[in-house]
Structures are given as structure tokens and as C-alpha cells.
Amino acid sequence: MYSGSIITTNGSYSESWMEMTKMKFSEYIKTKRLEAGLSQKDVSDHFGYSTPQFISNWERGISTPPMKTLKKLAQLYKTPAEDMFDCLLQDTLQQVTIDFKKKMSKIL
């Protein structure tokens, strides 16, 4: 995924950045876990969770990891923490935009 500048020399967004922003955060962290060769149980054990259900919930988009966990998760998955945070931010902004448009359509 994204591992460099998001703006290319001609001023457009890089292809990898655009790919990452299209991917939901839940898909992103599942992909990174699998690329790291880890099971959900491996990750839950690493963070001291009693069950892999926490990791499953993150990967299904039911919940997101606590912010303080993101950096450690990125290290475990051997991916830049900035990339992980950016993907979460883009996913959150997209959802807020969708929710806002739904609410505005009811008002107008």
C-alpha cells in the first residue's frame, strides 16, 4: 500500500494513495494482518485480549482499535503507522460525509 509521498511530481495523487483511500479500514487491517502471516489469535494474544473476537470485530468494521493501539498494531503488521492512521481517517471522513448527506436530505 502507501509508503511514500501522496503527491506525485506532477501534483496528482499517487496511485497507491488512491488505492488505500478506497479501501475500508477494516479491510486494510485484515489485509495487513494476513500479509504479516498472523492469525487473529496471534494478534489478540499479543495485545493480551482474552479472545480473538476483538480482532474479528475490527476486521468486520464493527469496532475500531483504540487509538493507543494503532501504532503497536502497525509495528506488529510491519506497516507504517501513518498509513494505518490515514486509512482510518479517510474511512471515518467518508462515513461522516455519508451520514451528513443522509441527515441533510431529510431536512431539505
N, C-alpha and C. Protein backbone atom coordinates (compact mmCIF):
# COMPACT_ATOMS: atom_id res chain seq x y z
N MET A 1 0.82 -1.19 0.00
CA MET A 1 0.00 0.00 0.00
C MET A 1 0.86 1.25 0.00
N TYR A 2 0.39 2.30 0.60
CA TYR A 2 1.04 3.60 0.60
C TYR A 2 2.28 3.62 1.48
N SER A 3 3.40 4.03 0.92
CA SER A 3 4.61 4.10 1.74
C SER A 3 5.50 5.24 1.29
N GLY A 4 4.90 6.33 0.87
CA GLY A 4 5.68 7.48 0.44
C GLY A 4 4.80 8.69 0.31
N SER A 5 5.26 9.64 -0.46
CA SER A 5 4.52 10.87 -0.64
C SER A 5 3.21 10.59 -1.36
N ILE A 6 2.15 11.27 -0.93
CA ILE A 6 0.86 11.07 -1.59
C ILE A 6 0.73 11.91 -2.85
N ILE A 7 1.58 12.92 -3.00
CA ILE A 7 1.54 13.77 -4.18
C ILE A 7 2.71 13.41 -5.09
N THR A 8 2.42 13.17 -6.35
CA THR A 8 3.47 12.85 -7.31
C THR A 8 4.13 14.14 -7.79
N THR A 9 5.18 14.01 -8.56
CA THR A 9 5.92 15.18 -9.03
C THR A 9 5.08 16.08 -9.93
N ASN A 10 4.05 15.53 -10.57
CA ASN A 10 3.21 16.38 -11.41
C ASN A 10 2.02 16.96 -10.65
N GLY A 11 1.98 16.75 -9.34
CA GLY A 11 0.95 17.36 -8.50
C GLY A 11 -0.31 16.53 -8.31
N SER A 12 -0.35 15.34 -8.88
CA SER A 12 -1.53 14.49 -8.70
C SER A 12 -1.29 13.51 -7.55
N TYR A 13 -2.35 12.88 -7.11
CA TYR A 13 -2.22 11.90 -6.03
C TYR A 13 -1.62 10.62 -6.58
N SER A 14 -0.77 9.97 -5.77
CA SER A 14 -0.15 8.72 -6.21
C SER A 14 -1.21 7.62 -6.30
N GLU A 15 -0.95 6.65 -7.16
CA GLU A 15 -1.88 5.55 -7.36
C GLU A 15 -2.08 4.74 -6.08
N SER A 16 -0.99 4.48 -5.35
CA SER A 16 -1.10 3.68 -4.12
C SER A 16 -1.92 4.41 -3.07
N TRP A 17 -1.80 5.74 -3.02
CA TRP A 17 -2.60 6.52 -2.06
C TRP A 17 -4.07 6.41 -2.42
N MET A 18 -4.39 6.51 -3.70
CA MET A 18 -5.79 6.43 -4.11
C MET A 18 -6.35 5.04 -3.84
N GLU A 19 -5.54 4.01 -4.03
CA GLU A 19 -5.99 2.65 -3.72
C GLU A 19 -6.30 2.52 -2.23
N MET A 20 -5.40 3.06 -1.39
CA MET A 20 -5.57 2.94 0.05
C MET A 20 -6.82 3.67 0.51
N THR A 21 -7.11 4.84 -0.06
CA THR A 21 -8.27 5.60 0.40
C THR A 21 -9.58 4.95 -0.02
N LYS A 22 -9.53 4.08 -1.03
CA LYS A 22 -10.73 3.36 -1.44
C LYS A 22 -11.01 2.18 -0.52
N MET A 23 -9.98 1.69 0.15
CA MET A 23 -10.10 0.51 1.00
C MET A 23 -10.64 0.92 2.38
N LYS A 24 -11.62 0.21 2.83
CA LYS A 24 -12.12 0.45 4.18
C LYS A 24 -11.05 0.05 5.19
N PHE A 25 -11.06 0.74 6.31
CA PHE A 25 -10.07 0.46 7.35
C PHE A 25 -10.13 -1.00 7.78
N SER A 26 -11.32 -1.54 7.91
CA SER A 26 -11.45 -2.94 8.33
C SER A 26 -10.77 -3.88 7.33
N GLU A 27 -10.94 -3.60 6.04
CA GLU A 27 -10.28 -4.41 5.02
C GLU A 27 -8.76 -4.22 5.07
N TYR A 28 -8.36 -2.98 5.30
CA TYR A 28 -6.94 -2.65 5.35
C TYR A 28 -6.22 -3.43 6.45
N ILE A 29 -6.80 -3.42 7.67
CA ILE A 29 -6.10 -4.11 8.76
C ILE A 29 -6.14 -5.63 8.60
N LYS A 30 -7.19 -6.14 7.99
CA LYS A 30 -7.22 -7.58 7.73
C LYS A 30 -6.14 -7.95 6.71
N THR A 31 -6.05 -7.17 5.64
CA THR A 31 -5.03 -7.40 4.62
C THR A 31 -3.63 -7.35 5.21
N LYS A 32 -3.37 -6.34 6.05
CA LYS A 32 -2.05 -6.19 6.66
C LYS A 32 -1.74 -7.34 7.62
N ARG A 33 -2.75 -7.82 8.34
CA ARG A 33 -2.55 -8.96 9.25
C ARG A 33 -2.16 -10.20 8.46
N LEU A 34 -2.91 -10.43 7.39
CA LEU A 34 -2.63 -11.61 6.56
C LEU A 34 -1.25 -11.51 5.90
N GLU A 35 -0.90 -10.32 5.44
CA GLU A 35 0.43 -10.11 4.83
C GLU A 35 1.54 -10.37 5.85
N ALA A 36 1.26 -10.08 7.12
CA ALA A 36 2.24 -10.30 8.19
C ALA A 36 2.28 -11.77 8.62
N GLY A 37 1.36 -12.58 8.07
CA GLY A 37 1.34 -14.01 8.40
C GLY A 37 0.82 -14.31 9.79
N LEU A 38 -0.08 -13.46 10.29
CA LEU A 38 -0.60 -13.62 11.65
C LEU A 38 -2.07 -14.02 11.62
N SER A 39 -2.46 -14.79 12.62
CA SER A 39 -3.88 -15.13 12.79
C SER A 39 -4.51 -14.10 13.73
N GLN A 40 -5.82 -14.09 13.77
CA GLN A 40 -6.50 -13.20 14.72
C GLN A 40 -6.10 -13.57 16.15
N LYS A 41 -5.92 -14.85 16.41
CA LYS A 41 -5.50 -15.28 17.75
C LYS A 41 -4.11 -14.76 18.08
N ASP A 42 -3.19 -14.81 17.11
CA ASP A 42 -1.84 -14.27 17.34
C ASP A 42 -1.92 -12.81 17.78
N VAL A 43 -2.74 -12.04 17.09
CA VAL A 43 -2.85 -10.61 17.39
C VAL A 43 -3.50 -10.40 18.76
N SER A 44 -4.56 -11.14 19.03
CA SER A 44 -5.24 -10.97 20.33
C SER A 44 -4.32 -11.38 21.48
N ASP A 45 -3.53 -12.42 21.29
CA ASP A 45 -2.56 -12.83 22.31
C ASP A 45 -1.51 -11.74 22.52
N HIS A 46 -1.04 -11.15 21.42
CA HIS A 46 -0.02 -10.10 21.50
C HIS A 46 -0.50 -8.91 22.34
N PHE A 47 -1.79 -8.57 22.19
CA PHE A 47 -2.34 -7.43 22.92
C PHE A 47 -2.97 -7.81 24.26
N GLY A 48 -2.94 -9.09 24.59
CA GLY A 48 -3.45 -9.53 25.88
C GLY A 48 -4.96 -9.63 25.96
N TYR A 49 -5.62 -9.75 24.79
CA TYR A 49 -7.07 -9.92 24.79
C TYR A 49 -7.38 -11.38 25.06
N SER A 50 -8.51 -11.62 25.72
CA SER A 50 -8.86 -12.98 26.10
C SER A 50 -9.41 -13.80 24.93
N THR A 51 -9.80 -13.12 23.87
CA THR A 51 -10.40 -13.80 22.72
C THR A 51 -10.06 -13.06 21.42
N PRO A 52 -9.98 -13.76 20.30
CA PRO A 52 -9.74 -13.11 19.01
C PRO A 52 -10.94 -12.31 18.51
N GLN A 53 -12.06 -12.36 19.25
CA GLN A 53 -13.27 -11.65 18.83
C GLN A 53 -13.02 -10.16 18.65
N PHE A 54 -12.15 -9.57 19.47
CA PHE A 54 -11.82 -8.15 19.34
C PHE A 54 -11.25 -7.87 17.95
N ILE A 55 -10.34 -8.71 17.49
CA ILE A 55 -9.69 -8.53 16.20
C ILE A 55 -10.71 -8.76 15.08
N SER A 56 -11.54 -9.77 15.25
CA SER A 56 -12.60 -10.05 14.29
C SER A 56 -13.53 -8.84 14.15
N ASN A 57 -13.89 -8.23 15.26
CA ASN A 57 -14.77 -7.06 15.22
C ASN A 57 -14.12 -5.90 14.48
N TRP A 58 -12.82 -5.70 14.67
CA TRP A 58 -12.10 -4.64 13.93
C TRP A 58 -12.16 -4.92 12.44
N GLU A 59 -11.92 -6.17 12.07
CA GLU A 59 -11.83 -6.54 10.66
C GLU A 59 -13.18 -6.60 9.97
N ARG A 60 -14.25 -6.68 10.74
CA ARG A 60 -15.59 -6.65 10.16
C ARG A 60 -16.20 -5.26 10.23
N GLY A 61 -15.46 -4.31 10.77
CA GLY A 61 -15.94 -2.93 10.83
C GLY A 61 -16.93 -2.66 11.94
N ILE A 62 -17.05 -3.59 12.87
CA ILE A 62 -17.98 -3.42 13.99
C ILE A 62 -17.42 -2.43 15.00
N SER A 63 -16.11 -2.47 15.19
CA SER A 63 -15.43 -1.53 16.08
C SER A 63 -14.06 -1.23 15.50
N THR A 64 -13.37 -0.28 16.08
CA THR A 64 -12.01 0.04 15.64
C THR A 64 -11.07 -0.10 16.83
N PRO A 65 -9.81 -0.36 16.56
CA PRO A 65 -8.85 -0.48 17.66
C PRO A 65 -8.73 0.85 18.40
N PRO A 66 -8.46 0.80 19.69
CA PRO A 66 -8.21 2.05 20.42
C PRO A 66 -7.04 2.80 19.79
N MET A 67 -7.09 4.11 19.79
CA MET A 67 -6.04 4.93 19.17
C MET A 67 -4.65 4.56 19.68
N LYS A 68 -4.53 4.30 20.98
CA LYS A 68 -3.21 3.97 21.53
C LYS A 68 -2.70 2.62 21.01
N THR A 69 -3.58 1.83 20.45
CA THR A 69 -3.21 0.52 19.92
C THR A 69 -2.74 0.60 18.47
N LEU A 70 -3.14 1.64 17.74
CA LEU A 70 -2.83 1.73 16.31
C LEU A 70 -1.34 1.64 16.01
N LYS A 71 -0.52 2.38 16.76
CA LYS A 71 0.92 2.37 16.50
C LYS A 71 1.50 0.98 16.74
N LYS A 72 1.08 0.34 17.82
CA LYS A 72 1.57 -1.00 18.12
C LYS A 72 1.09 -2.02 17.08
N LEU A 73 -0.14 -1.81 16.61
CA LEU A 73 -0.69 -2.68 15.59
C LEU A 73 0.11 -2.54 14.28
N ALA A 74 0.42 -1.31 13.93
CA ALA A 74 1.22 -1.06 12.73
C ALA A 74 2.60 -1.71 12.85
N GLN A 75 3.20 -1.62 14.02
CA GLN A 75 4.51 -2.24 14.23
C GLN A 75 4.41 -3.76 14.10
N LEU A 76 3.37 -4.33 14.69
CA LEU A 76 3.17 -5.77 14.62
C LEU A 76 2.97 -6.22 13.17
N TYR A 77 2.24 -5.42 12.39
CA TYR A 77 1.95 -5.75 10.99
C TYR A 77 3.06 -5.28 10.05
N LYS A 78 4.08 -4.66 10.61
CA LYS A 78 5.22 -4.16 9.82
C LYS A 78 4.77 -3.23 8.69
N THR A 79 3.94 -2.28 9.06
CA THR A 79 3.44 -1.28 8.12
C THR A 79 3.55 0.09 8.78
N PRO A 80 3.77 1.15 8.02
CA PRO A 80 3.90 2.48 8.63
C PRO A 80 2.62 2.89 9.39
N ALA A 81 2.80 3.37 10.60
CA ALA A 81 1.66 3.80 11.42
C ALA A 81 0.89 4.92 10.72
N GLU A 82 1.60 5.78 10.01
CA GLU A 82 0.95 6.87 9.27
C GLU A 82 -0.04 6.33 8.25
N ASP A 83 0.33 5.26 7.57
CA ASP A 83 -0.57 4.67 6.57
C ASP A 83 -1.84 4.16 7.24
N MET A 84 -1.66 3.49 8.37
CA MET A 84 -2.80 2.94 9.09
C MET A 84 -3.71 4.07 9.57
N PHE A 85 -3.13 5.10 10.14
CA PHE A 85 -3.91 6.23 10.63
C PHE A 85 -4.62 6.92 9.47
N ASP A 86 -3.91 7.13 8.35
CA ASP A 86 -4.52 7.79 7.19
C ASP A 86 -5.71 7.00 6.66
N CYS A 87 -5.59 5.69 6.60
CA CYS A 87 -6.68 4.85 6.13
C CYS A 87 -7.88 4.97 7.07
N LEU A 88 -7.63 4.94 8.37
CA LEU A 88 -8.71 5.10 9.35
C LEU A 88 -9.36 6.46 9.21
N LEU A 89 -8.55 7.49 9.04
CA LEU A 89 -9.07 8.85 8.89
C LEU A 89 -9.95 8.96 7.64
N GLN A 90 -9.48 8.46 6.52
CA GLN A 90 -10.25 8.52 5.27
C GLN A 90 -11.56 7.75 5.41
N ASP A 91 -11.53 6.59 6.02
CA ASP A 91 -12.73 5.78 6.22
C ASP A 91 -13.72 6.52 7.11
N THR A 92 -13.22 7.15 8.17
CA THR A 92 -14.07 7.90 9.09
C THR A 92 -14.68 9.11 8.39
N LEU A 93 -13.88 9.85 7.64
CA LEU A 93 -14.39 11.01 6.91
C LEU A 93 -15.46 10.60 5.90
N GLN A 94 -15.24 9.50 5.23
CA GLN A 94 -16.22 9.03 4.27
C GLN A 94 -17.54 8.70 4.96
N GLN A 95 -17.47 8.03 6.10
CA GLN A 95 -18.69 7.66 6.82
C GLN A 95 -19.41 8.90 7.36
N VAL A 96 -18.66 9.86 7.88
CA VAL A 96 -19.26 11.10 8.38
C VAL A 96 -19.95 11.84 7.24
N THR A 97 -19.32 11.87 6.07
CA THR A 97 -19.91 12.53 4.90
C THR A 97 -21.22 11.86 4.50
N ILE A 98 -21.23 10.54 4.46
CA ILE A 98 -22.44 9.80 4.12
C ILE A 98 -23.55 10.09 5.12
N ASP A 99 -23.22 10.03 6.41
CA ASP A 99 -24.21 10.30 7.46
C ASP A 99 -24.75 11.72 7.36
N PHE A 100 -23.86 12.68 7.10
CA PHE A 100 -24.26 14.08 6.99
C PHE A 100 -25.21 14.27 5.81
N LYS A 101 -24.90 13.67 4.68
CA LYS A 101 -25.76 13.81 3.50
C LYS A 101 -27.13 13.19 3.73
N LYS A 102 -27.18 12.07 4.44
CA LYS A 102 -28.47 11.45 4.76
C LYS A 102 -29.31 12.38 5.63
N LYS A 103 -28.68 12.97 6.64
CA LYS A 103 -29.41 13.87 7.54
C LYS A 103 -29.86 15.12 6.79
N MET A 104 -29.01 15.65 5.92
CA MET A 104 -29.38 16.85 5.17
C MET A 104 -30.52 16.57 4.20
N SER A 105 -30.56 15.38 3.62
CA SER A 105 -31.63 15.06 2.68
C SER A 105 -32.99 15.00 3.39
N LYS A 106 -32.99 14.65 4.65
CA LYS A 106 -34.23 14.61 5.42
C LYS A 106 -34.73 16.02 5.76
N ILE A 107 -33.78 16.93 5.91
CA ILE A 107 -34.13 18.32 6.26
C ILE A 107 -34.62 19.08 5.03
N LEU A 108 -33.95 18.86 3.92
CA LEU A 108 -34.27 19.60 2.70
C LEU A 108 -35.37 18.94 1.97
